[in-house]
Amino acid sequence: MNLKEVKQLARERMKGYCRVCKECNGIACAGEVPGMGGCGSGDSFKRNYESLKNIKLVLKTIHDAKNPDTSIEIFGRKLDLPLITAPVTGSSINMGGYLSEEEYSDSAVIGSIKANTIAMTGDSANPDFYIAGLNSIKKVNGEGIAIIKPRENSKIIECIRKAEEAGAIAVGIDIDGAGLVTMALHGQPVGPKTLEELKELKESTKLPFILKGIMCVEDALLAVEAGVDAIVVSNHGGRVLNHSLGVADVLSDIVKAVGGKITILADGNVREGTDILKYIALGADAVLVARPIIWGAYGGYDEGVKLVIDNFKNELKQAMILTGCKDIKSIDNTKIVNLNR
C-alpha cells in the first residue's frame, strides 16, 4: 500500500463527500457543510489555504543539519514529530459513511499511535460519537485527547468525567464550534463562553485543558487569564464563519502576545511536511491535521493513517535539511518569508 493507492481508495469510498483534490484548496467543496467543505462561499477554507501558501521557505544548504531531529515533547509525551491528529467526528454525516464512527475513530487513534504521535477525538450532535472516541482512547491505554463541543458547562463537565475515566491525557473544548451548522440541525445547544465559564471548566479537572478555536490576540490573552494549558489557533477549517482570516494570517500576532505563557497549536490546511515547518516558523509548538488523516483512514484504516503521518515526517525532515534546521527548536522566522505581511 502506498500513499497514491490510499488516496484513490479514499476518493472512491467517500462517494463525492471529498474529491481528495490534488490541491486541497476548498474550491470544489465550497458550501458543503454538512460534508467536507467550508461554509458559505468557502472563503474561510480558501483563506487558510492561500495564507499558508503565502508563507515561503528560505532554501539554505551550507550547514551541518544533515540528520534533523523531528521529535518534540508535549503534554508530557515525546512524539516523533510536531503533529497531532485533529478531532473529527461524523463519518456518516460528513464523509459518506463507508466507515462506521467506531472504525474511523479507531483508525485515527490507533494509526496515530503506530506513527508515534497521538490523536484528539471529537464530539458531535450525536452523543454516541463522543463515546466512540473515548472507546478508541481506551484501546491505546488512554494515549489520546478528548475535545468536547461548547455545550452548557454542566454537560461539558460530564464529558470531562467520562474522558478522565477513559484515561485521556488531556481534555478541551473546540470553542469555535459555537456556530456549527451540524449542531444546530440536531437541536444541540452550543455557544460562546465567558471568561468565568472557562475558568470553571479549567478548574473542574486536573488534566491539561485545551481551548481550540482561537483566532485573535484578545481571545488568546483571555485564554491565558482563564488558566488553560494550550490553545489551538483555528477557524474550524473554515466551517463555521465565512470570510474569516486564515490561521497563517493571525498566528504570529498571537504568538507575540502569549508565546511562552501557553502551548500554541496551529490547525489549518496542513497538507504536507513543509506546512508543518511553516507553522512552527510562525511560532506554533505543533500542528493539528484533519483531512489527510481522514484520507488515510478511508483509504487504509489505521495503517493508512500511519502511512500518511510517516509521509509527513519524511517531508518535514527533508524540509528541515533544506532550510538548515537541526531540530524543531531550530525552526524560527528566519526560515520563512511571510508574503501575507
C-alpha atoms as a PDB file:
ATOM      1  CA  MET A   1       0.000   0.000   0.000  1.00  0.00           C
ATOM      2  CA  ASN A   2       1.333   3.429  -0.941  1.00  0.00           C
ATOM      3  CA  LEU A   3       0.008   6.933  -0.492  1.00  0.00           C
ATOM      4  CA  LYS A   4      -1.322   7.184  -4.048  1.00  0.00           C
ATOM      5  CA  GLU A   5      -3.318   3.982  -3.598  1.00  0.00           C
ATOM      6  CA  VAL A   6      -4.656   5.131  -0.225  1.00  0.00           C
ATOM      7  CA  LYS A   7      -5.869   8.435  -1.703  1.00  0.00           C
ATOM      8  CA  GLN A   8      -7.502   6.679  -4.651  1.00  0.00           C
ATOM      9  CA  LEU A   9      -9.381   4.303  -2.351  1.00  0.00           C
ATOM     10  CA  ALA A  10     -10.407   7.222  -0.122  1.00  0.00           C
ATOM     11  CA  ARG A  11     -11.719   9.112  -3.154  1.00  0.00           C
ATOM     12  CA  GLU A  12     -13.839   6.116  -4.162  1.00  0.00           C
ATOM     13  CA  ARG A  13     -15.101   5.366  -0.672  1.00  0.00           C
ATOM     14  CA  MET A  14     -16.012   8.958   0.218  1.00  0.00           C
ATOM     15  CA  LYS A  15     -18.608   8.958  -2.581  1.00  0.00           C
ATOM     16  CA  GLY A  16     -18.202  12.594  -3.560  1.00  0.00           C
ATOM     17  CA  TYR A  17     -18.186  13.905   0.007  1.00  0.00           C
ATOM     18  CA  CYS A  18     -14.487  14.587  -0.593  1.00  0.00           C
ATOM     19  CA  ARG A  19     -12.847  14.528  -4.015  1.00  0.00           C
ATOM     20  CA  VAL A  20      -9.346  14.240  -2.484  1.00  0.00           C
ATOM     21  CA  CYS A  21      -8.295  17.025  -4.830  1.00  0.00           C
ATOM     22  CA  LYS A  22      -4.686  17.389  -5.953  1.00  0.00           C
ATOM     23  CA  GLU A  23      -4.775  20.836  -4.320  1.00  0.00           C
ATOM     24  CA  CYS A  24      -6.993  20.801  -1.244  1.00  0.00           C
ATOM     25  CA  ASN A  25      -7.960  24.456  -1.540  1.00  0.00           C
ATOM     26  CA  GLY A  26     -11.662  24.485  -0.638  1.00  0.00           C
ATOM     27  CA  ILE A  27     -12.925  25.333  -4.124  1.00  0.00           C
ATOM     28  CA  ALA A  28     -14.604  22.071  -5.187  1.00  0.00           C
ATOM     29  CA  CYS A  29     -16.315  21.542  -1.817  1.00  0.00           C
ATOM     30  CA  ALA A  30     -17.302  25.159  -1.088  1.00  0.00           C
ATOM     31  CA  GLY A  31     -20.533  25.349   0.900  1.00  0.00           C
ATOM     32  CA  GLU A  32     -20.713  21.622   1.586  1.00  0.00           C
ATOM     33  CA  VAL A  33     -21.494  21.671   5.305  1.00  0.00           C
ATOM     34  CA  PRO A  34     -22.512  19.046   6.386  1.00  0.00           C
ATOM     35  CA  GLY A  35     -19.818  17.493   4.270  1.00  0.00           C
ATOM     36  CA  MET A  36     -16.113  18.247   3.958  1.00  0.00           C
ATOM     37  CA  GLY A  37     -16.206  21.830   2.703  1.00  0.00           C
ATOM     38  CA  GLY A  38     -16.141  25.330   4.102  1.00  0.00           C
ATOM     39  CA  CYS A  39     -19.333  27.158   4.993  1.00  0.00           C
ATOM     40  CA  GLY A  40     -20.993  29.683   2.706  1.00  0.00           C
ATOM     41  CA  SER A  41     -18.824  30.506  -0.304  1.00  0.00           C
ATOM     42  CA  GLY A  42     -15.984  28.567   1.328  1.00  0.00           C
ATOM     43  CA  ASP A  43     -13.951  31.769   1.668  1.00  0.00           C
ATOM     44  CA  SER A  44     -12.516  30.933   5.119  1.00  0.00           C
ATOM     45  CA  PHE A  45     -11.385  27.463   3.984  1.00  0.00           C
ATOM     46  CA  LYS A  46      -9.824  29.053   0.888  1.00  0.00           C
ATOM     47  CA  ARG A  47      -8.123  31.722   3.017  1.00  0.00           C
ATOM     48  CA  ASN A  48      -6.486  29.053   5.198  1.00  0.00           C
ATOM     49  CA  TYR A  49      -5.039  27.610   2.002  1.00  0.00           C
ATOM     50  CA  GLU A  50      -3.992  30.949   0.497  1.00  0.00           C
ATOM     51  CA  SER A  51      -2.433  32.426   3.635  1.00  0.00           C
ATOM     52  CA  LEU A  52      -0.373  29.299   4.279  1.00  0.00           C
ATOM     53  CA  LYS A  53       0.696  29.167   0.624  1.00  0.00           C
ATOM     54  CA  ASN A  54       1.933  32.747   1.023  1.00  0.00           C
ATOM     55  CA  ILE A  55       4.482  31.598   3.601  1.00  0.00           C
ATOM     56  CA  LYS A  56       7.606  30.809   1.581  1.00  0.00           C
ATOM     57  CA  LEU A  57      10.632  28.824   2.756  1.00  0.00           C
ATOM     58  CA  VAL A  58      14.219  30.086   2.642  1.00  0.00           C
ATOM     59  CA  LEU A  59      16.391  27.468   0.914  1.00  0.00           C
ATOM     60  CA  LYS A  60      19.681  27.049   2.791  1.00  0.00           C
ATOM     61  CA  THR A  61      22.263  24.335   2.083  1.00  0.00           C
ATOM     62  CA  ILE A  62      25.545  25.385   3.726  1.00  0.00           C
ATOM     63  CA  HIS A  63      25.192  23.988   7.245  1.00  0.00           C
ATOM     64  CA  ASP A  64      25.570  20.829   9.327  1.00  0.00           C
ATOM     65  CA  ALA A  65      21.885  19.905   9.765  1.00  0.00           C
ATOM     66  CA  LYS A  66      22.316  16.605   7.942  1.00  0.00           C
ATOM     67  CA  ASN A  67      20.099  14.384  10.084  1.00  0.00           C
ATOM     68  CA  PRO A  68      17.441  16.561  11.741  1.00  0.00           C
ATOM     69  CA  ASP A  69      15.562  15.503  14.861  1.00  0.00           C
ATOM     70  CA  THR A  70      11.825  15.954  14.221  1.00  0.00           C
ATOM     71  CA  SER A  71      10.677  14.916  17.708  1.00  0.00           C
ATOM     72  CA  ILE A  72       9.021  17.101  20.349  1.00  0.00           C
ATOM     73  CA  GLU A  73       7.719  16.782  23.901  1.00  0.00           C
ATOM     74  CA  ILE A  74       4.175  17.949  24.563  1.00  0.00           C
ATOM     75  CA  PHE A  75       1.541  17.152  27.219  1.00  0.00           C
ATOM     76  CA  GLY A  76       4.162  15.016  28.962  1.00  0.00           C
ATOM     77  CA  ARG A  77       4.665  12.833  25.881  1.00  0.00           C
ATOM     78  CA  LYS A  78       7.502  12.523  23.382  1.00  0.00           C
ATOM     79  CA  LEU A  79       6.188  12.495  19.803  1.00  0.00           C
ATOM     80  CA  ASP A  80       8.132  11.605  16.669  1.00  0.00           C
ATOM     81  CA  LEU A  81       7.030  14.848  15.015  1.00  0.00           C
ATOM     82  CA  PRO A  82       5.069  18.000  15.952  1.00  0.00           C
ATOM     83  CA  LEU A  83       1.824  16.647  14.527  1.00  0.00           C
ATOM     84  CA  ILE A  84      -1.322  15.675  16.416  1.00  0.00           C
ATOM     85  CA  THR A  85      -4.351  14.176  14.703  1.00  0.00           C
ATOM     86  CA  ALA A  86      -7.227  16.653  14.860  1.00  0.00           C
ATOM     87  CA  PRO A  87     -10.616  15.830  16.451  1.00  0.00           C
ATOM     88  CA  VAL A  88     -13.011  14.716  13.715  1.00  0.00           C
ATOM     89  CA  THR A  89     -16.449  13.109  14.071  1.00  0.00           C
ATOM     90  CA  GLY A  90     -19.398  12.345  11.835  1.00  0.00           C
ATOM     91  CA  SER A  91     -18.192   9.698   9.410  1.00  0.00           C
ATOM     92  CA  SER A  92     -21.776   9.097   8.309  1.00  0.00           C
ATOM     93  CA  ILE A  93     -22.679  12.797   8.268  1.00  0.00           C
ATOM     94  CA  ASN A  94     -19.617  14.390   6.661  1.00  0.00           C
ATOM     95  CA  MET A  95     -17.630  11.640   4.937  1.00  0.00           C
ATOM     96  CA  GLY A  96     -20.113   9.347   3.223  1.00  0.00           C
ATOM     97  CA  GLY A  97     -20.345   6.624   5.857  1.00  0.00           C
ATOM     98  CA  TYR A  98     -18.132   3.940   4.303  1.00  0.00           C
ATOM     99  CA  LEU A  99     -16.512   3.695   7.737  1.00  0.00           C
ATOM    100  CA  SER A 100     -18.626   3.493  10.874  1.00  0.00           C
ATOM    101  CA  GLU A 101     -17.890   6.042  13.571  1.00  0.00           C
ATOM    102  CA  GLU A 102     -16.067   3.358  15.542  1.00  0.00           C
ATOM    103  CA  GLU A 103     -13.984   2.315  12.519  1.00  0.00           C
ATOM    104  CA  TYR A 104     -12.974   5.874  11.733  1.00  0.00           C
ATOM    105  CA  SER A 105     -12.128   6.683  15.344  1.00  0.00           C
ATOM    106  CA  ASP A 106     -10.094   3.505  15.811  1.00  0.00           C
ATOM    107  CA  SER A 107      -8.235   4.144  12.559  1.00  0.00           C
ATOM    108  CA  ALA A 108      -7.306   7.691  13.564  1.00  0.00           C
ATOM    109  CA  VAL A 109      -6.342   6.922  17.166  1.00  0.00           C
ATOM    110  CA  ILE A 110      -4.540   3.617  16.618  1.00  0.00           C
ATOM    111  CA  GLY A 111      -2.871   4.801  13.408  1.00  0.00           C
ATOM    112  CA  SER A 112      -1.542   7.866  15.228  1.00  0.00           C
ATOM    113  CA  ILE A 113      -0.076   5.701  17.997  1.00  0.00           C
ATOM    114  CA  LYS A 114       1.546   3.428  15.399  1.00  0.00           C
ATOM    115  CA  ALA A 115       3.199   6.524  13.910  1.00  0.00           C
ATOM    116  CA  ASN A 116       4.439   7.552  17.374  1.00  0.00           C
ATOM    117  CA  THR A 117       2.162  10.527  17.859  1.00  0.00           C
ATOM    118  CA  ILE A 118      -1.303  10.982  19.412  1.00  0.00           C
ATOM    119  CA  ALA A 119      -4.821  11.795  18.288  1.00  0.00           C
ATOM    120  CA  MET A 120      -7.571  14.048  19.521  1.00  0.00           C
ATOM    121  CA  THR A 121     -11.100  12.649  19.415  1.00  0.00           C
ATOM    122  CA  GLY A 122     -14.153  14.806  18.932  1.00  0.00           C
ATOM    123  CA  ASP A 123     -17.746  15.433  19.912  1.00  0.00           C
ATOM    124  CA  SER A 124     -20.915  15.724  17.848  1.00  0.00           C
ATOM    125  CA  ALA A 125     -24.639  16.286  17.874  1.00  0.00           C
ATOM    126  CA  ASN A 126     -24.864  12.511  18.285  1.00  0.00           C
ATOM    127  CA  PRO A 127     -23.534  11.739  21.809  1.00  0.00           C
ATOM    128  CA  ASP A 128     -22.550   8.236  20.670  1.00  0.00           C
ATOM    129  CA  PHE A 129     -19.765   9.720  18.534  1.00  0.00           C
ATOM    130  CA  TYR A 130     -18.039  11.175  21.602  1.00  0.00           C
ATOM    131  CA  ILE A 131     -18.235   7.795  23.323  1.00  0.00           C
ATOM    132  CA  ALA A 132     -16.797   6.100  20.230  1.00  0.00           C
ATOM    133  CA  GLY A 133     -13.770   8.372  20.512  1.00  0.00           C
ATOM    134  CA  LEU A 134     -13.322   7.589  24.193  1.00  0.00           C
ATOM    135  CA  ASN A 135     -13.543   3.874  23.453  1.00  0.00           C
ATOM    136  CA  SER A 136     -10.735   4.278  20.916  1.00  0.00           C
ATOM    137  CA  ILE A 137      -8.646   6.117  23.521  1.00  0.00           C
ATOM    138  CA  LYS A 138      -9.204   3.238  25.941  1.00  0.00           C
ATOM    139  CA  LYS A 139      -7.835   0.826  23.319  1.00  0.00           C
ATOM    140  CA  VAL A 140      -4.479   2.685  23.351  1.00  0.00           C
ATOM    141  CA  ASN A 141      -4.296   2.846  27.164  1.00  0.00           C
ATOM    142  CA  GLY A 142      -5.521   6.425  27.380  1.00  0.00           C
ATOM    143  CA  GLU A 143      -2.959   7.875  24.951  1.00  0.00           C
ATOM    144  CA  GLY A 144      -5.353  10.367  23.420  1.00  0.00           C
ATOM    145  CA  ILE A 145      -7.036  13.729  23.949  1.00  0.00           C
ATOM    146  CA  ALA A 146     -10.811  14.280  24.176  1.00  0.00           C
ATOM    147  CA  ILE A 147     -12.216  17.500  22.693  1.00  0.00           C
ATOM    148  CA  ILE A 148     -15.795  18.485  23.566  1.00  0.00           C
ATOM    149  CA  LYS A 149     -18.240  20.857  21.836  1.00  0.00           C
ATOM    150  CA  PRO A 150     -19.012  24.147  23.656  1.00  0.00           C
ATOM    151  CA  ARG A 151     -22.192  22.869  25.266  1.00  0.00           C
ATOM    152  CA  GLU A 152     -23.581  24.059  28.613  1.00  0.00           C
ATOM    153  CA  ASN A 153     -20.848  23.813  31.247  1.00  0.00           C
ATOM    154  CA  SER A 154     -22.646  21.103  33.204  1.00  0.00           C
ATOM    155  CA  LYS A 155     -22.747  18.924  30.069  1.00  0.00           C
ATOM    156  CA  ILE A 156     -19.076  19.612  29.305  1.00  0.00           C
ATOM    157  CA  ILE A 157     -18.059  18.630  32.836  1.00  0.00           C
ATOM    158  CA  GLU A 158     -20.000  15.371  32.445  1.00  0.00           C
ATOM    159  CA  CYS A 159     -17.991  14.719  29.270  1.00  0.00           C
ATOM    160  CA  ILE A 160     -14.738  15.591  31.061  1.00  0.00           C
ATOM    161  CA  ARG A 161     -15.511  13.000  33.735  1.00  0.00           C
ATOM    162  CA  LYS A 162     -16.002  10.358  31.039  1.00  0.00           C
ATOM    163  CA  ALA A 163     -12.660  11.341  29.477  1.00  0.00           C
ATOM    164  CA  GLU A 164     -10.960  11.031  32.857  1.00  0.00           C
ATOM    165  CA  GLU A 165     -12.484   7.562  33.291  1.00  0.00           C
ATOM    166  CA  ALA A 166     -11.121   6.610  29.856  1.00  0.00           C
ATOM    167  CA  GLY A 167      -7.641   7.671  30.990  1.00  0.00           C
ATOM    168  CA  ALA A 168      -7.245  10.502  28.467  1.00  0.00           C
ATOM    169  CA  ILE A 169      -4.028  12.520  28.809  1.00  0.00           C
ATOM    170  CA  ALA A 170      -5.803  15.858  28.232  1.00  0.00           C
ATOM    171  CA  VAL A 171      -9.233  17.355  27.510  1.00  0.00           C
ATOM    172  CA  GLY A 172     -10.560  20.518  25.948  1.00  0.00           C
ATOM    173  CA  ILE A 173     -13.325  22.250  24.040  1.00  0.00           C
ATOM    174  CA  ASP A 174     -13.433  23.431  20.444  1.00  0.00           C
ATOM    175  CA  ILE A 175     -14.960  26.780  21.266  1.00  0.00           C
ATOM    176  CA  ASP A 176     -15.021  27.641  17.540  1.00  0.00           C
ATOM    177  CA  GLY A 177     -17.761  25.010  17.254  1.00  0.00           C
ATOM    178  CA  ALA A 178     -20.143  27.574  18.773  1.00  0.00           C
ATOM    179  CA  GLY A 179     -21.699  28.171  15.371  1.00  0.00           C
ATOM    180  CA  LEU A 180     -21.591  24.698  13.839  1.00  0.00           C
ATOM    181  CA  VAL A 181     -24.456  24.083  11.426  1.00  0.00           C
ATOM    182  CA  THR A 182     -24.494  20.347  12.186  1.00  0.00           C
ATOM    183  CA  MET A 183     -25.099  21.002  15.888  1.00  0.00           C
ATOM    184  CA  ALA A 184     -27.936  23.423  15.156  1.00  0.00           C
ATOM    185  CA  LEU A 185     -29.564  20.960  12.755  1.00  0.00           C
ATOM    186  CA  HIS A 186     -29.766  18.387  15.558  1.00  0.00           C
ATOM    187  CA  GLY A 187     -31.040  20.755  18.260  1.00  0.00           C
ATOM    188  CA  GLN A 188     -27.861  20.714  20.330  1.00  0.00           C
ATOM    189  CA  PRO A 189     -27.280  23.981  22.227  1.00  0.00           C
ATOM    190  CA  VAL A 190     -23.733  25.258  21.773  1.00  0.00           C
ATOM    191  CA  GLY A 191     -22.354  28.769  22.071  1.00  0.00           C
ATOM    192  CA  PRO A 192     -19.541  31.078  23.149  1.00  0.00           C
ATOM    193  CA  LYS A 193     -18.120  31.040  26.668  1.00  0.00           C
ATOM    194  CA  THR A 194     -17.446  33.786  29.191  1.00  0.00           C
ATOM    195  CA  LEU A 195     -14.123  34.060  30.989  1.00  0.00           C
ATOM    196  CA  GLU A 196     -15.761  32.811  34.189  1.00  0.00           C
ATOM    197  CA  GLU A 197     -17.234  29.795  32.412  1.00  0.00           C
ATOM    198  CA  LEU A 198     -13.792  28.909  31.046  1.00  0.00           C
ATOM    199  CA  LYS A 199     -12.269  29.200  34.496  1.00  0.00           C
ATOM    200  CA  GLU A 200     -14.936  26.839  35.832  1.00  0.00           C
ATOM    201  CA  LEU A 201     -14.103  24.269  33.155  1.00  0.00           C
ATOM    202  CA  LYS A 202     -10.358  24.542  33.720  1.00  0.00           C
ATOM    203  CA  GLU A 203     -10.808  24.146  37.480  1.00  0.00           C
ATOM    204  CA  SER A 204     -13.087  21.126  37.032  1.00  0.00           C
ATOM    205  CA  THR A 205     -10.208  18.810  36.071  1.00  0.00           C
ATOM    206  CA  LYS A 206      -6.573  18.102  36.867  1.00  0.00           C
ATOM    207  CA  LEU A 207      -5.908  17.154  33.256  1.00  0.00           C
ATOM    208  CA  PRO A 208      -4.277  19.644  30.853  1.00  0.00           C
ATOM    209  CA  PHE A 209      -7.089  21.741  29.368  1.00  0.00           C
ATOM    210  CA  ILE A 210      -7.041  22.843  25.712  1.00  0.00           C
ATOM    211  CA  LEU A 211      -9.050  25.631  24.092  1.00  0.00           C
ATOM    212  CA  LYS A 212      -9.410  25.077  20.350  1.00  0.00           C
ATOM    213  CA  GLY A 213     -10.586  27.846  18.059  1.00  0.00           C
ATOM    214  CA  ILE A 214      -8.604  30.983  18.957  1.00  0.00           C
ATOM    215  CA  MET A 215      -8.248  33.462  16.077  1.00  0.00           C
ATOM    216  CA  CYS A 216      -7.397  36.812  17.691  1.00  0.00           C
ATOM    217  CA  VAL A 217      -4.983  38.219  20.265  1.00  0.00           C
ATOM    218  CA  GLU A 218      -7.787  39.297  22.611  1.00  0.00           C
ATOM    219  CA  ASP A 219      -9.116  35.734  22.912  1.00  0.00           C
ATOM    220  CA  ALA A 220      -5.584  34.361  23.323  1.00  0.00           C
ATOM    221  CA  LEU A 221      -4.978  36.705  26.249  1.00  0.00           C
ATOM    222  CA  LEU A 222      -8.304  35.699  27.820  1.00  0.00           C
ATOM    223  CA  ALA A 223      -7.366  32.021  27.412  1.00  0.00           C
ATOM    224  CA  VAL A 224      -4.173  32.679  29.376  1.00  0.00           C
ATOM    225  CA  GLU A 225      -6.193  34.537  32.023  1.00  0.00           C
ATOM    226  CA  ALA A 226      -8.565  31.570  32.249  1.00  0.00           C
ATOM    227  CA  GLY A 227      -5.567  29.378  33.045  1.00  0.00           C
ATOM    228  CA  VAL A 228      -5.915  26.919  30.167  1.00  0.00           C
ATOM    229  CA  ASP A 229      -2.819  24.901  29.272  1.00  0.00           C
ATOM    230  CA  ALA A 230      -2.929  25.150  25.484  1.00  0.00           C
ATOM    231  CA  ILE A 231      -4.743  26.916  22.674  1.00  0.00           C
ATOM    232  CA  VAL A 232      -5.325  25.819  19.104  1.00  0.00           C
ATOM    233  CA  VAL A 233      -5.244  28.662  16.597  1.00  0.00           C
ATOM    234  CA  SER A 234      -8.026  27.512  14.287  1.00  0.00           C
ATOM    235  CA  ASN A 235     -11.078  28.748  12.393  1.00  0.00           C
ATOM    236  CA  HIS A 236     -12.577  25.224  12.467  1.00  0.00           C
ATOM    237  CA  GLY A 237     -11.399  24.524   8.943  1.00  0.00           C
ATOM    238  CA  GLY A 238     -13.460  27.430   7.658  1.00  0.00           C
ATOM    239  CA  ARG A 239     -16.618  25.511   8.526  1.00  0.00           C
ATOM    240  CA  VAL A 240     -18.312  27.923  10.945  1.00  0.00           C
ATOM    241  CA  LEU A 241     -17.822  31.536   9.741  1.00  0.00           C
ATOM    242  CA  ASN A 242     -17.436  32.712   6.169  1.00  0.00           C
ATOM    243  CA  HIS A 243     -14.882  35.443   5.339  1.00  0.00           C
ATOM    244  CA  SER A 244     -12.633  34.958   8.367  1.00  0.00           C
ATOM    245  CA  LEU A 245      -8.866  35.344   8.270  1.00  0.00           C
ATOM    246  CA  GLY A 246      -6.655  32.316   7.755  1.00  0.00           C
ATOM    247  CA  VAL A 247      -4.634  30.754  10.556  1.00  0.00           C
ATOM    248  CA  ALA A 248      -1.349  31.876   8.986  1.00  0.00           C
ATOM    249  CA  ASP A 249      -2.687  35.459   8.954  1.00  0.00           C
ATOM    250  CA  VAL A 250      -3.119  35.643  12.733  1.00  0.00           C
ATOM    251  CA  LEU A 251      -0.673  33.137  14.251  1.00  0.00           C
ATOM    252  CA  SER A 252       2.376  35.421  14.527  1.00  0.00           C
ATOM    253  CA  ASP A 253       0.473  38.131  16.420  1.00  0.00           C
ATOM    254  CA  ILE A 254      -0.980  35.563  18.810  1.00  0.00           C
ATOM    255  CA  VAL A 255       2.490  34.119  19.440  1.00  0.00           C
ATOM    256  CA  LYS A 256       3.853  37.610  20.154  1.00  0.00           C
ATOM    257  CA  ALA A 257       1.110  38.129  22.726  1.00  0.00           C
ATOM    258  CA  VAL A 258       1.116  34.792  24.576  1.00  0.00           C
ATOM    259  CA  GLY A 259       4.094  32.767  23.353  1.00  0.00           C
ATOM    260  CA  GLY A 260       5.970  31.194  26.256  1.00  0.00           C
ATOM    261  CA  LYS A 261       2.938  31.516  28.529  1.00  0.00           C
ATOM    262  CA  ILE A 262       0.900  28.716  26.973  1.00  0.00           C
ATOM    263  CA  THR A 263       1.293  25.870  24.465  1.00  0.00           C
ATOM    264  CA  ILE A 264       0.233  27.028  20.996  1.00  0.00           C
ATOM    265  CA  LEU A 265      -1.026  24.617  18.339  1.00  0.00           C
ATOM    266  CA  ALA A 266      -1.969  25.578  14.766  1.00  0.00           C
ATOM    267  CA  ASP A 267      -4.763  23.953  12.762  1.00  0.00           C
ATOM    268  CA  GLY A 268      -5.406  24.995   9.190  1.00  0.00           C
ATOM    269  CA  ASN A 269      -4.798  23.277   5.831  1.00  0.00           C
ATOM    270  CA  VAL A 270      -1.719  21.266   6.836  1.00  0.00           C
ATOM    271  CA  ARG A 271      -1.261  19.029   3.795  1.00  0.00           C
ATOM    272  CA  GLU A 272       2.487  18.316   3.627  1.00  0.00           C
ATOM    273  CA  GLY A 273       5.612  18.418   5.770  1.00  0.00           C
ATOM    274  CA  THR A 274       6.575  21.885   4.594  1.00  0.00           C
ATOM    275  CA  ASP A 275       3.294  23.187   6.064  1.00  0.00           C
ATOM    276  CA  ILE A 276       4.362  21.914   9.483  1.00  0.00           C
ATOM    277  CA  LEU A 277       7.671  23.762   9.151  1.00  0.00           C
ATOM    278  CA  LYS A 278       5.844  26.953   8.138  1.00  0.00           C
ATOM    279  CA  TYR A 279       3.555  26.931  11.184  1.00  0.00           C
ATOM    280  CA  ILE A 280       6.443  26.130  13.537  1.00  0.00           C
ATOM    281  CA  ALA A 281       8.413  29.024  11.996  1.00  0.00           C
ATOM    282  CA  LEU A 282       5.408  31.291  12.662  1.00  0.00           C
ATOM    283  CA  GLY A 283       5.630  30.295  16.338  1.00  0.00           C
ATOM    284  CA  ALA A 284       3.428  27.234  16.849  1.00  0.00           C
ATOM    285  CA  ASP A 285       4.640  24.396  19.085  1.00  0.00           C
ATOM    286  CA  ALA A 286       2.896  21.762  16.951  1.00  0.00           C
ATOM    287  CA  VAL A 287       0.124  21.397  14.377  1.00  0.00           C
ATOM    288  CA  LEU A 288      -3.156  19.530  14.028  1.00  0.00           C
ATOM    289  CA  VAL A 289      -4.014  17.594  10.870  1.00  0.00           C
ATOM    290  CA  ALA A 290      -7.520  16.546   9.816  1.00  0.00           C
ATOM    291  CA  ARG A 291      -8.306  15.908   6.152  1.00  0.00           C
ATOM    292  CA  PRO A 292      -5.165  13.892   5.274  1.00  0.00           C
ATOM    293  CA  ILE A 293      -5.882  11.689   8.308  1.00  0.00           C
ATOM    294  CA  ILE A 294      -9.421  11.156   7.003  1.00  0.00           C
ATOM    295  CA  TRP A 295      -7.994  10.136   3.626  1.00  0.00           C
ATOM    296  CA  GLY A 296      -5.642   7.719   5.361  1.00  0.00           C
ATOM    297  CA  ALA A 297      -8.442   6.183   7.402  1.00  0.00           C
ATOM    298  CA  TYR A 298     -10.811   5.840   4.449  1.00  0.00           C
ATOM    299  CA  GLY A 299      -8.078   4.504   2.183  1.00  0.00           C
ATOM    300  CA  GLY A 300      -6.335   2.143   4.589  1.00  0.00           C
ATOM    301  CA  TYR A 301      -7.750   2.217   8.134  1.00  0.00           C
ATOM    302  CA  ASP A 302      -5.085   2.581  10.872  1.00  0.00           C
ATOM    303  CA  GLU A 303      -2.264   1.523   8.518  1.00  0.00           C
ATOM    304  CA  GLY A 304      -3.388   4.214   6.086  1.00  0.00           C
ATOM    305  CA  VAL A 305      -3.259   6.803   8.872  1.00  0.00           C
ATOM    306  CA  LYS A 306       0.230   5.632   9.848  1.00  0.00           C
ATOM    307  CA  LEU A 307       1.337   5.897   6.226  1.00  0.00           C
ATOM    308  CA  VAL A 308       0.035   9.468   5.988  1.00  0.00           C
ATOM    309  CA  ILE A 309       1.784  10.546   9.200  1.00  0.00           C
ATOM    310  CA  ASP A 310       5.036   8.804   8.263  1.00  0.00           C
ATOM    311  CA  ASN A 311       4.947  10.686   4.963  1.00  0.00           C
ATOM    312  CA  PHE A 312       4.506  13.984   6.841  1.00  0.00           C
ATOM    313  CA  LYS A 313       7.555  13.093   8.938  1.00  0.00           C
ATOM    314  CA  ASN A 314       9.698  12.304   5.898  1.00  0.00           C
ATOM    315  CA  GLU A 315       8.659  15.519   4.160  1.00  0.00           C
ATOM    316  CA  LEU A 316       9.309  17.571   7.306  1.00  0.00           C
ATOM    317  CA  LYS A 317      12.765  16.048   7.719  1.00  0.00           C
ATOM    318  CA  GLN A 318      13.643  16.844   4.107  1.00  0.00           C
ATOM    319  CA  ALA A 319      12.378  20.416   4.509  1.00  0.00           C
ATOM    320  CA  MET A 320      14.481  20.826   7.667  1.00  0.00           C
ATOM    321  CA  ILE A 321      17.591  19.621   5.808  1.00  0.00           C
ATOM    322  CA  LEU A 322      16.986  22.165   3.045  1.00  0.00           C
ATOM    323  CA  THR A 323      16.375  25.066   5.442  1.00  0.00           C
ATOM    324  CA  GLY A 324      19.205  24.269   7.865  1.00  0.00           C
ATOM    325  CA  CYS A 325      17.236  23.125  10.928  1.00  0.00           C
ATOM    326  CA  LYS A 326      18.874  20.559  13.241  1.00  0.00           C
ATOM    327  CA  ASP A 327      15.770  20.130  15.382  1.00  0.00           C
ATOM    328  CA  ILE A 328      12.320  21.593  15.877  1.00  0.00           C
ATOM    329  CA  LYS A 329      13.665  24.321  18.196  1.00  0.00           C
ATOM    330  CA  SER A 330      15.909  25.491  15.347  1.00  0.00           C
ATOM    331  CA  ILE A 331      12.885  26.375  13.220  1.00  0.00           C
ATOM    332  CA  ASP A 332      12.167  30.099  13.530  1.00  0.00           C
ATOM    333  CA  ASN A 333      11.005  33.045  11.438  1.00  0.00           C
ATOM    334  CA  THR A 334      14.399  33.363   9.720  1.00  0.00           C
ATOM    335  CA  LYS A 335      13.472  30.201   7.777  1.00  0.00           C
ATOM    336  CA  ILE A 336      10.474  31.817   6.062  1.00  0.00           C
ATOM    337  CA  VAL A 337       9.309  34.890   4.205  1.00  0.00           C
ATOM    338  CA  ASN A 338       5.738  35.892   5.018  1.00  0.00           C
ATOM    339  CA  LEU A 339       4.106  37.321   1.898  1.00  0.00           C
ATOM    340  CA  ASN A 340       0.895  37.961   3.854  1.00  0.00           C
ATOM    341  CA  ARG A 341       2.548  40.930   5.568  1.00  0.00           C
END
